[in-house]
Amino acid sequence: MNINIKIMANMEKLVSRIVIIWIVIISITISSLYNHMNETGANYYRFGPHDDFLIIGIQINTTGKYFTVVLYCFINSLIRTSIHNVLSPWLINSVQDINIVKPKQIRGFAYEVTNVVTIYNWVDWYVYMNLLLAQVDLFLTEMFADVLMSVLTTYYYLNTEPEKEKEIEDEPITTTNPMILDEEIYEI
């Protein structure tokens, strides 16, 4: 079993190092192309508010609007990374793993998390594309917040001791069916 863990750790390390090299190559390529861009392309690499800085048709030309957008990017990145580092793994490991028995108590919450993640991903995708393609400082804000939240989440998981397994009671729980709008109560 230690051999499998060692091989897996080596594979993850290899993939991580390949991705680091790829990021460096992309960064160097983009940096070297900057001098060859037209004015429209070069405008992407500005910072701060400008008269031609538009997001979803809204002109971001004042400091107040700009900092509102930057704050939105920062908070939204924290939420997105929380979903990717906390909720998505929970769905995969607690709900979608067909090799484990699911406690009945998680069923309502599983539908809630599934719907929240799905709806958020679509809304985020729409806003995210408009933000990231507007100006490089928003991209950098999003990236910084993602890295910050990923480090905090990883720190939490690496430093949290596992809880002792609690006995799952087979008592029926009452919940509403998230697929029915008239709030009928079902016993699961």
N, C-alpha and C. Protein backbone atom coordinates (compact mmCIF):
# COMPACT_ATOMS: atom_id res chain seq x y z
N MET A 1 0.82 -1.20 0.00
CA MET A 1 0.00 0.00 0.00
C MET A 1 0.86 1.26 0.00
N ASN A 2 1.99 1.26 0.72
CA ASN A 2 2.89 2.41 0.70
C ASN A 2 3.44 2.67 -0.68
N ILE A 3 3.64 1.61 -1.47
CA ILE A 3 4.13 1.78 -2.83
C ILE A 3 3.11 2.54 -3.66
N ASN A 4 1.81 2.20 -3.52
CA ASN A 4 0.77 2.90 -4.25
C ASN A 4 0.73 4.38 -3.88
N ILE A 5 0.84 4.68 -2.59
CA ILE A 5 0.83 6.07 -2.14
C ILE A 5 2.03 6.81 -2.70
N LYS A 6 3.18 6.18 -2.69
CA LYS A 6 4.39 6.80 -3.20
C LYS A 6 4.27 7.06 -4.70
N ILE A 7 3.76 6.10 -5.45
CA ILE A 7 3.58 6.26 -6.90
C ILE A 7 2.58 7.38 -7.17
N MET A 8 1.47 7.41 -6.42
CA MET A 8 0.48 8.46 -6.62
C MET A 8 1.07 9.83 -6.29
N ALA A 9 1.81 9.93 -5.20
CA ALA A 9 2.42 11.20 -4.82
C ALA A 9 3.42 11.64 -5.88
N ASN A 10 4.17 10.70 -6.44
CA ASN A 10 5.11 11.04 -7.50
C ASN A 10 4.38 11.50 -8.75
N MET A 11 3.26 10.89 -9.08
CA MET A 11 2.48 11.28 -10.24
C MET A 11 1.93 12.70 -10.06
N GLU A 12 1.37 12.98 -8.88
CA GLU A 12 0.84 14.32 -8.61
C GLU A 12 1.96 15.35 -8.67
N LYS A 13 3.13 15.01 -8.13
CA LYS A 13 4.26 15.93 -8.15
C LYS A 13 4.69 16.19 -9.59
N LEU A 14 4.75 15.14 -10.41
CA LEU A 14 5.13 15.29 -11.81
C LEU A 14 4.14 16.19 -12.55
N VAL A 15 2.86 15.91 -12.37
CA VAL A 15 1.83 16.72 -13.05
C VAL A 15 1.90 18.17 -12.58
N SER A 16 2.08 18.38 -11.28
CA SER A 16 2.18 19.74 -10.75
C SER A 16 3.36 20.48 -11.37
N ARG A 17 4.49 19.81 -11.47
CA ARG A 17 5.69 20.46 -12.04
C ARG A 17 5.51 20.74 -13.53
N ILE A 18 4.85 19.86 -14.25
CA ILE A 18 4.57 20.09 -15.67
C ILE A 18 3.67 21.31 -15.83
N VAL A 19 2.66 21.43 -14.98
CA VAL A 19 1.75 22.59 -15.04
C VAL A 19 2.52 23.88 -14.72
N ILE A 20 3.43 23.84 -13.75
CA ILE A 20 4.24 25.03 -13.42
C ILE A 20 5.06 25.47 -14.64
N ILE A 21 5.69 24.52 -15.28
CA ILE A 21 6.48 24.83 -16.48
C ILE A 21 5.58 25.42 -17.57
N TRP A 22 4.39 24.86 -17.75
CA TRP A 22 3.45 25.36 -18.76
C TRP A 22 3.01 26.79 -18.43
N ILE A 23 2.75 27.08 -17.17
CA ILE A 23 2.37 28.44 -16.76
C ILE A 23 3.50 29.42 -17.08
N VAL A 24 4.74 29.03 -16.82
CA VAL A 24 5.89 29.90 -17.12
C VAL A 24 5.98 30.13 -18.63
N ILE A 25 5.80 29.10 -19.43
CA ILE A 25 5.84 29.24 -20.89
C ILE A 25 4.75 30.19 -21.37
N ILE A 26 3.54 30.03 -20.86
CA ILE A 26 2.43 30.91 -21.26
C ILE A 26 2.73 32.35 -20.87
N SER A 27 3.23 32.56 -19.65
CA SER A 27 3.53 33.92 -19.17
C SER A 27 4.60 34.58 -20.03
N ILE A 28 5.64 33.85 -20.36
CA ILE A 28 6.71 34.40 -21.21
C ILE A 28 6.18 34.72 -22.60
N THR A 29 5.38 33.83 -23.15
CA THR A 29 4.82 34.05 -24.48
C THR A 29 3.94 35.30 -24.52
N ILE A 30 3.05 35.43 -23.56
CA ILE A 30 2.16 36.59 -23.53
C ILE A 30 2.96 37.87 -23.33
N SER A 31 3.95 37.82 -22.43
CA SER A 31 4.78 39.01 -22.19
C SER A 31 5.54 39.42 -23.44
N SER A 32 6.05 38.47 -24.18
CA SER A 32 6.82 38.79 -25.38
C SER A 32 5.92 39.30 -26.51
N LEU A 33 4.66 38.92 -26.50
CA LEU A 33 3.74 39.37 -27.55
C LEU A 33 3.17 40.77 -27.29
N TYR A 34 3.33 41.28 -26.08
CA TYR A 34 2.74 42.58 -25.72
C TYR A 34 3.16 43.68 -26.68
N ASN A 35 4.44 43.74 -27.05
CA ASN A 35 4.93 44.81 -27.93
C ASN A 35 4.39 44.70 -29.36
N HIS A 36 3.81 43.56 -29.71
CA HIS A 36 3.30 43.35 -31.07
C HIS A 36 1.77 43.52 -31.16
N MET A 37 1.13 43.94 -30.07
CA MET A 37 -0.33 44.07 -30.06
C MET A 37 -0.75 45.41 -30.62
N ASN A 38 -1.97 45.42 -31.19
CA ASN A 38 -2.54 46.70 -31.59
C ASN A 38 -3.09 47.41 -30.36
N GLU A 39 -3.62 48.61 -30.54
CA GLU A 39 -4.09 49.40 -29.40
C GLU A 39 -5.20 48.70 -28.64
N THR A 40 -6.10 48.03 -29.35
CA THR A 40 -7.20 47.33 -28.68
C THR A 40 -6.66 46.21 -27.80
N GLY A 41 -5.71 45.45 -28.28
CA GLY A 41 -5.12 44.37 -27.48
C GLY A 41 -4.34 44.90 -26.30
N ALA A 42 -3.62 45.98 -26.51
CA ALA A 42 -2.81 46.57 -25.44
C ALA A 42 -3.70 47.16 -24.35
N ASN A 43 -4.91 47.60 -24.69
CA ASN A 43 -5.83 48.16 -23.69
C ASN A 43 -6.18 47.15 -22.61
N TYR A 44 -6.13 45.88 -22.94
CA TYR A 44 -6.43 44.83 -21.96
C TYR A 44 -5.44 44.86 -20.81
N TYR A 45 -4.22 45.29 -21.06
CA TYR A 45 -3.16 45.24 -20.06
C TYR A 45 -3.05 46.52 -19.22
N ARG A 46 -4.11 47.29 -19.18
CA ARG A 46 -4.14 48.48 -18.33
C ARG A 46 -4.68 48.13 -16.96
N PHE A 47 -4.50 49.07 -16.03
CA PHE A 47 -5.01 48.94 -14.68
C PHE A 47 -5.87 50.16 -14.38
N GLY A 48 -6.90 49.96 -13.55
CA GLY A 48 -7.72 51.08 -13.09
C GLY A 48 -8.84 51.44 -14.04
N PRO A 49 -9.63 52.44 -13.64
CA PRO A 49 -10.78 52.86 -14.46
C PRO A 49 -10.34 53.61 -15.72
N HIS A 50 -11.12 53.43 -16.79
CA HIS A 50 -10.88 54.11 -18.07
C HIS A 50 -12.22 54.33 -18.75
N ASP A 51 -12.27 55.29 -19.65
CA ASP A 51 -13.52 55.57 -20.36
C ASP A 51 -13.95 54.42 -21.26
N ASP A 52 -13.01 53.65 -21.79
CA ASP A 52 -13.37 52.54 -22.67
C ASP A 52 -13.32 51.18 -21.96
N PHE A 53 -13.35 51.19 -20.64
CA PHE A 53 -13.37 49.97 -19.82
C PHE A 53 -14.84 49.62 -19.58
N LEU A 54 -15.33 48.58 -20.27
CA LEU A 54 -16.74 48.20 -20.19
C LEU A 54 -16.87 46.78 -19.64
N ILE A 55 -17.83 46.61 -18.75
CA ILE A 55 -18.19 45.28 -18.26
C ILE A 55 -19.70 45.15 -18.37
N ILE A 56 -20.12 44.17 -19.14
CA ILE A 56 -21.54 43.93 -19.41
C ILE A 56 -22.22 45.24 -19.81
N GLY A 57 -21.55 46.03 -20.65
CA GLY A 57 -22.10 47.27 -21.17
C GLY A 57 -22.05 48.45 -20.21
N ILE A 58 -21.47 48.28 -19.03
CA ILE A 58 -21.38 49.36 -18.05
C ILE A 58 -19.97 49.94 -18.10
N GLN A 59 -19.90 51.26 -18.26
CA GLN A 59 -18.62 51.94 -18.33
C GLN A 59 -18.01 52.05 -16.92
N ILE A 60 -16.80 51.56 -16.77
CA ILE A 60 -16.09 51.60 -15.48
C ILE A 60 -15.04 52.71 -15.60
N ASN A 61 -15.48 53.93 -15.33
CA ASN A 61 -14.61 55.09 -15.54
C ASN A 61 -14.40 55.93 -14.28
N THR A 62 -14.87 55.44 -13.13
CA THR A 62 -14.63 56.15 -11.87
C THR A 62 -13.98 55.21 -10.88
N THR A 63 -13.32 55.78 -9.90
CA THR A 63 -12.65 54.97 -8.89
C THR A 63 -13.66 54.14 -8.10
N GLY A 64 -14.82 54.72 -7.80
CA GLY A 64 -15.85 53.99 -7.05
C GLY A 64 -16.34 52.76 -7.80
N LYS A 65 -16.64 52.92 -9.09
CA LYS A 65 -17.08 51.78 -9.90
C LYS A 65 -15.98 50.73 -10.00
N TYR A 66 -14.75 51.21 -10.19
CA TYR A 66 -13.62 50.29 -10.33
C TYR A 66 -13.43 49.45 -9.07
N PHE A 67 -13.42 50.10 -7.91
CA PHE A 67 -13.20 49.34 -6.67
C PHE A 67 -14.38 48.43 -6.36
N THR A 68 -15.59 48.80 -6.78
CA THR A 68 -16.74 47.92 -6.64
C THR A 68 -16.53 46.66 -7.46
N VAL A 69 -16.05 46.81 -8.69
CA VAL A 69 -15.79 45.66 -9.56
C VAL A 69 -14.67 44.80 -8.99
N VAL A 70 -13.60 45.42 -8.51
CA VAL A 70 -12.48 44.66 -7.93
C VAL A 70 -12.94 43.91 -6.69
N LEU A 71 -13.73 44.55 -5.83
CA LEU A 71 -14.26 43.89 -4.64
C LEU A 71 -15.15 42.72 -5.02
N TYR A 72 -16.01 42.91 -6.03
CA TYR A 72 -16.86 41.82 -6.52
C TYR A 72 -15.98 40.65 -6.99
N CYS A 73 -14.94 40.96 -7.78
CA CYS A 73 -14.04 39.91 -8.29
C CYS A 73 -13.41 39.14 -7.14
N PHE A 74 -12.95 39.86 -6.13
CA PHE A 74 -12.28 39.23 -5.00
C PHE A 74 -13.23 38.31 -4.24
N ILE A 75 -14.41 38.83 -3.88
CA ILE A 75 -15.39 38.02 -3.13
C ILE A 75 -15.87 36.84 -3.96
N ASN A 76 -16.15 37.09 -5.23
CA ASN A 76 -16.64 36.02 -6.09
C ASN A 76 -15.60 34.92 -6.25
N SER A 77 -14.33 35.28 -6.32
CA SER A 77 -13.27 34.27 -6.42
C SER A 77 -13.18 33.44 -5.15
N LEU A 78 -13.34 34.09 -4.00
CA LEU A 78 -13.35 33.34 -2.74
C LEU A 78 -14.49 32.33 -2.72
N ILE A 79 -15.66 32.75 -3.19
CA ILE A 79 -16.82 31.85 -3.22
C ILE A 79 -16.60 30.73 -4.23
N ARG A 80 -16.11 31.06 -5.42
CA ARG A 80 -15.88 30.05 -6.45
C ARG A 80 -14.87 29.00 -5.96
N THR A 81 -13.81 29.46 -5.34
CA THR A 81 -12.80 28.53 -4.86
C THR A 81 -13.34 27.68 -3.71
N SER A 82 -14.19 28.26 -2.88
CA SER A 82 -14.83 27.49 -1.80
C SER A 82 -15.69 26.38 -2.38
N ILE A 83 -16.40 26.69 -3.44
CA ILE A 83 -17.23 25.68 -4.09
C ILE A 83 -16.34 24.56 -4.65
N HIS A 84 -15.27 24.94 -5.33
CA HIS A 84 -14.39 23.93 -5.94
C HIS A 84 -13.61 23.12 -4.91
N ASN A 85 -13.28 23.74 -3.78
CA ASN A 85 -12.46 23.05 -2.78
C ASN A 85 -13.25 22.40 -1.65
N VAL A 86 -14.51 22.80 -1.48
CA VAL A 86 -15.30 22.26 -0.37
C VAL A 86 -16.55 21.53 -0.87
N LEU A 87 -17.42 22.24 -1.58
CA LEU A 87 -18.70 21.64 -1.97
C LEU A 87 -18.55 20.56 -3.05
N SER A 88 -17.79 20.83 -4.08
CA SER A 88 -17.63 19.83 -5.15
C SER A 88 -16.99 18.53 -4.64
N PRO A 89 -15.91 18.61 -3.84
CA PRO A 89 -15.38 17.35 -3.30
C PRO A 89 -16.37 16.64 -2.39
N TRP A 90 -17.18 17.40 -1.63
CA TRP A 90 -18.18 16.76 -0.78
C TRP A 90 -19.18 15.99 -1.64
N LEU A 91 -19.63 16.62 -2.73
CA LEU A 91 -20.56 15.92 -3.63
C LEU A 91 -19.93 14.65 -4.19
N ILE A 92 -18.70 14.75 -4.63
CA ILE A 92 -18.02 13.59 -5.22
C ILE A 92 -17.83 12.49 -4.18
N ASN A 93 -17.36 12.84 -2.99
CA ASN A 93 -17.01 11.83 -1.99
C ASN A 93 -18.19 11.35 -1.15
N SER A 94 -19.21 12.17 -0.97
CA SER A 94 -20.31 11.79 -0.09
C SER A 94 -21.59 11.42 -0.83
N VAL A 95 -21.75 11.92 -2.05
CA VAL A 95 -23.00 11.68 -2.77
C VAL A 95 -22.78 10.82 -4.01
N GLN A 96 -21.79 11.15 -4.80
CA GLN A 96 -21.61 10.48 -6.09
C GLN A 96 -20.75 9.22 -6.03
N ASP A 97 -20.18 8.92 -4.90
CA ASP A 97 -19.40 7.70 -4.75
C ASP A 97 -20.36 6.53 -4.60
N ILE A 98 -20.44 5.67 -5.61
CA ILE A 98 -21.40 4.57 -5.58
C ILE A 98 -20.94 3.42 -4.69
N ASN A 99 -19.75 3.54 -4.12
CA ASN A 99 -19.22 2.47 -3.28
C ASN A 99 -19.44 2.69 -1.79
N ILE A 100 -20.15 3.74 -1.43
CA ILE A 100 -20.43 3.99 -0.02
C ILE A 100 -21.94 4.09 0.19
N VAL A 101 -22.34 3.81 1.42
CA VAL A 101 -23.75 3.95 1.79
C VAL A 101 -23.97 5.41 2.20
N LYS A 102 -25.00 6.00 1.64
CA LYS A 102 -25.30 7.39 1.95
C LYS A 102 -26.31 7.46 3.09
N PRO A 103 -26.00 8.23 4.14
CA PRO A 103 -26.99 8.39 5.21
C PRO A 103 -28.22 9.12 4.66
N LYS A 104 -29.37 8.73 5.11
CA LYS A 104 -30.61 9.37 4.64
C LYS A 104 -30.66 10.84 5.00
N GLN A 105 -29.96 11.22 6.07
CA GLN A 105 -29.99 12.60 6.53
C GLN A 105 -29.37 13.59 5.55
N ILE A 106 -28.54 13.13 4.62
CA ILE A 106 -27.89 14.07 3.71
C ILE A 106 -28.66 14.30 2.41
N ARG A 107 -29.73 13.58 2.19
CA ARG A 107 -30.41 13.64 0.90
C ARG A 107 -30.90 15.05 0.54
N GLY A 108 -31.59 15.71 1.42
CA GLY A 108 -32.07 17.06 1.13
C GLY A 108 -30.93 18.02 0.89
N PHE A 109 -29.91 17.94 1.73
CA PHE A 109 -28.75 18.81 1.58
C PHE A 109 -28.00 18.50 0.28
N ALA A 110 -27.96 17.25 -0.12
CA ALA A 110 -27.28 16.87 -1.36
C ALA A 110 -27.95 17.55 -2.56
N TYR A 111 -29.30 17.56 -2.58
CA TYR A 111 -30.00 18.26 -3.66
C TYR A 111 -29.75 19.77 -3.59
N GLU A 112 -29.72 20.30 -2.38
CA GLU A 112 -29.44 21.73 -2.23
C GLU A 112 -28.07 22.07 -2.80
N VAL A 113 -27.04 21.32 -2.40
CA VAL A 113 -25.68 21.60 -2.84
C VAL A 113 -25.57 21.42 -4.36
N THR A 114 -26.16 20.36 -4.89
CA THR A 114 -26.12 20.13 -6.33
C THR A 114 -26.72 21.31 -7.10
N ASN A 115 -27.87 21.77 -6.65
CA ASN A 115 -28.53 22.88 -7.34
C ASN A 115 -27.77 24.19 -7.16
N VAL A 116 -27.28 24.44 -5.96
CA VAL A 116 -26.51 25.67 -5.71
C VAL A 116 -25.27 25.70 -6.60
N VAL A 117 -24.53 24.61 -6.64
CA VAL A 117 -23.31 24.55 -7.44
C VAL A 117 -23.62 24.72 -8.92
N THR A 118 -24.64 24.06 -9.41
CA THR A 118 -24.99 24.15 -10.83
C THR A 118 -25.42 25.56 -11.21
N ILE A 119 -26.32 26.15 -10.45
CA ILE A 119 -26.80 27.50 -10.77
C ILE A 119 -25.67 28.51 -10.64
N TYR A 120 -24.89 28.39 -9.56
CA TYR A 120 -23.77 29.32 -9.39
C TYR A 120 -22.79 29.21 -10.56
N ASN A 121 -22.48 27.99 -11.00
CA ASN A 121 -21.53 27.82 -12.10
C ASN A 121 -21.98 28.54 -13.36
N TRP A 122 -23.26 28.49 -13.67
CA TRP A 122 -23.76 29.17 -14.87
C TRP A 122 -23.71 30.69 -14.72
N VAL A 123 -24.17 31.20 -13.61
CA VAL A 123 -24.13 32.66 -13.38
C VAL A 123 -22.69 33.14 -13.35
N ASP A 124 -21.84 32.41 -12.65
CA ASP A 124 -20.43 32.78 -12.56
C ASP A 124 -19.77 32.76 -13.93
N TRP A 125 -20.07 31.76 -14.73
CA TRP A 125 -19.47 31.66 -16.06
C TRP A 125 -19.79 32.91 -16.88
N TYR A 126 -21.03 33.35 -16.86
CA TYR A 126 -21.44 34.52 -17.64
C TYR A 126 -20.70 35.78 -17.16
N VAL A 127 -20.70 36.02 -15.87
CA VAL A 127 -20.05 37.21 -15.33
C VAL A 127 -18.53 37.10 -15.47
N TYR A 128 -18.01 35.92 -15.20
CA TYR A 128 -16.57 35.67 -15.24
C TYR A 128 -15.99 35.99 -16.61
N MET A 129 -16.64 35.56 -17.68
CA MET A 129 -16.15 35.82 -19.03
C MET A 129 -16.10 37.32 -19.30
N ASN A 130 -17.13 38.04 -18.88
CA ASN A 130 -17.15 39.48 -19.09
C ASN A 130 -16.06 40.19 -18.29
N LEU A 131 -15.81 39.72 -17.08
CA LEU A 131 -14.79 40.36 -16.24
C LEU A 131 -13.38 40.07 -16.73
N LEU A 132 -13.10 38.80 -16.96
CA LEU A 132 -11.73 38.43 -17.32
C LEU A 132 -11.29 38.97 -18.66
N LEU A 133 -12.23 39.16 -19.56
CA LEU A 133 -11.89 39.67 -20.88
C LEU A 133 -11.86 41.19 -20.93
N ALA A 134 -12.18 41.85 -19.81
CA ALA A 134 -12.25 43.30 -19.79
C ALA A 134 -10.87 43.94 -19.59
N GLN A 135 -10.12 43.46 -18.59
CA GLN A 135 -8.86 44.11 -18.25
C GLN A 135 -8.03 43.18 -17.38
N VAL A 136 -6.72 43.20 -17.51
CA VAL A 136 -5.84 42.25 -16.85
C VAL A 136 -5.87 42.39 -15.32
N ASP A 137 -6.12 43.56 -14.78
CA ASP A 137 -6.12 43.71 -13.33
C ASP A 137 -7.24 42.90 -12.68
N LEU A 138 -8.34 42.72 -13.38
CA LEU A 138 -9.42 41.88 -12.85
C LEU A 138 -9.00 40.41 -12.85
N PHE A 139 -8.31 40.02 -13.89
CA PHE A 139 -7.76 38.66 -13.96
C PHE A 139 -6.82 38.42 -12.78
N LEU A 140 -5.93 39.38 -12.52
CA LEU A 140 -4.97 39.24 -11.42
C LEU A 140 -5.68 39.21 -10.06
N THR A 141 -6.73 40.01 -9.90
CA THR A 141 -7.52 40.00 -8.66
C THR A 141 -8.16 38.64 -8.46
N GLU A 142 -8.78 38.10 -9.51
CA GLU A 142 -9.42 36.79 -9.44
C GLU A 142 -8.38 35.71 -9.09
N MET A 143 -7.23 35.77 -9.74
CA MET A 143 -6.20 34.76 -9.51
C MET A 143 -5.67 34.85 -8.08
N PHE A 144 -5.41 36.06 -7.59
CA PHE A 144 -4.91 36.22 -6.22
C PHE A 144 -5.91 35.67 -5.20
N ALA A 145 -7.19 36.00 -5.37
CA ALA A 145 -8.21 35.52 -4.43
C ALA A 145 -8.35 34.00 -4.50
N ASP A 146 -8.27 33.43 -5.70
CA ASP A 146 -8.34 31.97 -5.84
C ASP A 146 -7.18 31.30 -5.11
N VAL A 147 -5.98 31.82 -5.30
CA VAL A 147 -4.81 31.24 -4.65
C VAL A 147 -4.93 31.38 -3.13
N LEU A 148 -5.34 32.55 -2.66
CA LEU A 148 -5.51 32.77 -1.23
C LEU A 148 -6.50 31.77 -0.62
N MET A 149 -7.66 31.62 -1.24
CA MET A 149 -8.67 30.71 -0.70
C MET A 149 -8.22 29.27 -0.80
N SER A 150 -7.53 28.90 -1.87
CA SER A 150 -7.02 27.53 -2.00
C SER A 150 -6.01 27.21 -0.91
N VAL A 151 -5.13 28.16 -0.61
CA VAL A 151 -4.14 27.95 0.45
C VAL A 151 -4.84 27.82 1.80
N LEU A 152 -5.82 28.70 2.07
CA LEU A 152 -6.54 28.62 3.34
C LEU A 152 -7.31 27.31 3.48
N THR A 153 -7.95 26.87 2.42
CA THR A 153 -8.70 25.62 2.46
C THR A 153 -7.76 24.43 2.64
N THR A 154 -6.66 24.42 1.93
CA THR A 154 -5.68 23.34 2.07
C THR A 154 -5.11 23.31 3.48
N TYR A 155 -4.81 24.48 4.02
CA TYR A 155 -4.31 24.56 5.40
C TYR A 155 -5.33 23.97 6.37
N TYR A 156 -6.59 24.33 6.18
CA TYR A 156 -7.66 23.81 7.04
C TYR A 156 -7.70 22.28 6.99
N TYR A 157 -7.72 21.72 5.79
CA TYR A 157 -7.82 20.27 5.65
C TYR A 157 -6.57 19.54 6.16
N LEU A 158 -5.41 20.13 5.97
CA LEU A 158 -4.18 19.49 6.46
C LEU A 158 -4.05 19.56 7.97
N ASN A 159 -4.71 20.51 8.60
CA ASN A 159 -4.56 20.70 10.04
C ASN A 159 -5.80 20.36 10.84
N THR A 160 -6.78 19.74 10.24
CA THR A 160 -8.00 19.33 10.94
C THR A 160 -7.96 17.83 11.17
N GLU A 161 -8.12 17.46 12.41
CA GLU A 161 -8.15 16.04 12.76
C GLU A 161 -9.49 15.45 12.36
N PRO A 162 -9.50 14.21 11.90
CA PRO A 162 -10.78 13.59 11.52
C PRO A 162 -11.68 13.39 12.75
N GLU A 163 -12.97 13.57 12.53
CA GLU A 163 -13.93 13.33 13.60
C GLU A 163 -14.11 11.83 13.75
N LYS A 164 -14.43 11.42 14.98
CA LYS A 164 -14.76 10.01 15.18
C LYS A 164 -16.06 9.74 14.47
N GLU A 165 -16.15 8.56 13.89
CA GLU A 165 -17.38 8.22 13.17
C GLU A 165 -18.54 8.14 14.14
N LYS A 166 -19.60 8.83 13.78
CA LYS A 166 -20.80 8.80 14.60
C LYS A 166 -21.72 7.73 14.06
N GLU A 167 -22.44 7.13 14.95
CA GLU A 167 -23.41 6.12 14.50
C GLU A 167 -24.54 6.81 13.78
N ILE A 168 -24.91 6.24 12.66
CA ILE A 168 -26.01 6.79 11.87
C ILE A 168 -27.29 6.13 12.33
N GLU A 169 -28.20 6.97 12.77
CA GLU A 169 -29.47 6.44 13.23
C GLU A 169 -30.39 6.24 12.04
N ASP A 170 -31.19 5.20 12.10
CA ASP A 170 -32.11 4.94 11.00
C ASP A 170 -33.49 5.54 11.25
N GLU A 171 -33.54 6.58 12.06
CA GLU A 171 -34.81 7.24 12.31
C GLU A 171 -35.22 7.97 11.04
N PRO A 172 -36.50 7.93 10.71
CA PRO A 172 -36.92 8.67 9.52
C PRO A 172 -36.80 10.18 9.78
N ILE A 173 -36.38 10.90 8.75
CA ILE A 173 -36.32 12.34 8.88
C ILE A 173 -37.35 12.94 7.94
N THR A 174 -37.80 14.12 8.27
CA THR A 174 -38.80 14.79 7.46
C THR A 174 -38.12 15.90 6.69
N THR A 175 -38.43 15.96 5.41
CA THR A 175 -37.83 16.99 4.57
C THR A 175 -38.80 17.36 3.46
N THR A 176 -38.52 18.47 2.81
CA THR A 176 -39.32 18.84 1.65
C THR A 176 -38.58 18.33 0.42
N ASN A 177 -39.33 17.96 -0.58
CA ASN A 177 -38.74 17.50 -1.82
C ASN A 177 -38.36 18.73 -2.65
N PRO A 178 -37.08 18.92 -2.96
CA PRO A 178 -36.67 20.12 -3.69
C PRO A 178 -37.18 20.15 -5.12
N MET A 179 -37.70 19.03 -5.61
CA MET A 179 -38.19 18.98 -6.98
C MET A 179 -39.67 19.34 -7.07
N ILE A 180 -40.32 19.52 -5.93
CA ILE A 180 -41.75 19.84 -5.91
C ILE A 180 -41.91 21.21 -5.27
N LEU A 181 -42.65 22.09 -5.93
CA LEU A 181 -42.74 23.47 -5.47
C LEU A 181 -43.79 23.70 -4.40
N ASP A 182 -44.71 22.78 -4.19
CA ASP A 182 -45.81 23.06 -3.25
C ASP A 182 -45.50 22.65 -1.81
N GLU A 183 -44.22 22.43 -1.50
CA GLU A 183 -43.78 22.20 -0.13
C GLU A 183 -44.46 21.01 0.57
N GLU A 184 -44.77 19.98 -0.20
CA GLU A 184 -45.30 18.79 0.46
C GLU A 184 -44.20 18.16 1.30
N ILE A 185 -44.58 17.59 2.43
CA ILE A 185 -43.59 17.00 3.31
C ILE A 185 -43.59 15.50 3.12
N TYR A 186 -42.39 14.95 2.98
CA TYR A 186 -42.22 13.53 2.77
C TYR A 186 -41.38 12.96 3.88
N GLU A 187 -41.65 11.74 4.24
CA GLU A 187 -40.82 11.04 5.19
C GLU A 187 -39.86 10.17 4.41
N ILE A 188 -38.57 10.33 4.69
CA ILE A 188 -37.55 9.59 3.93
C ILE A 188 -37.12 8.39 4.74
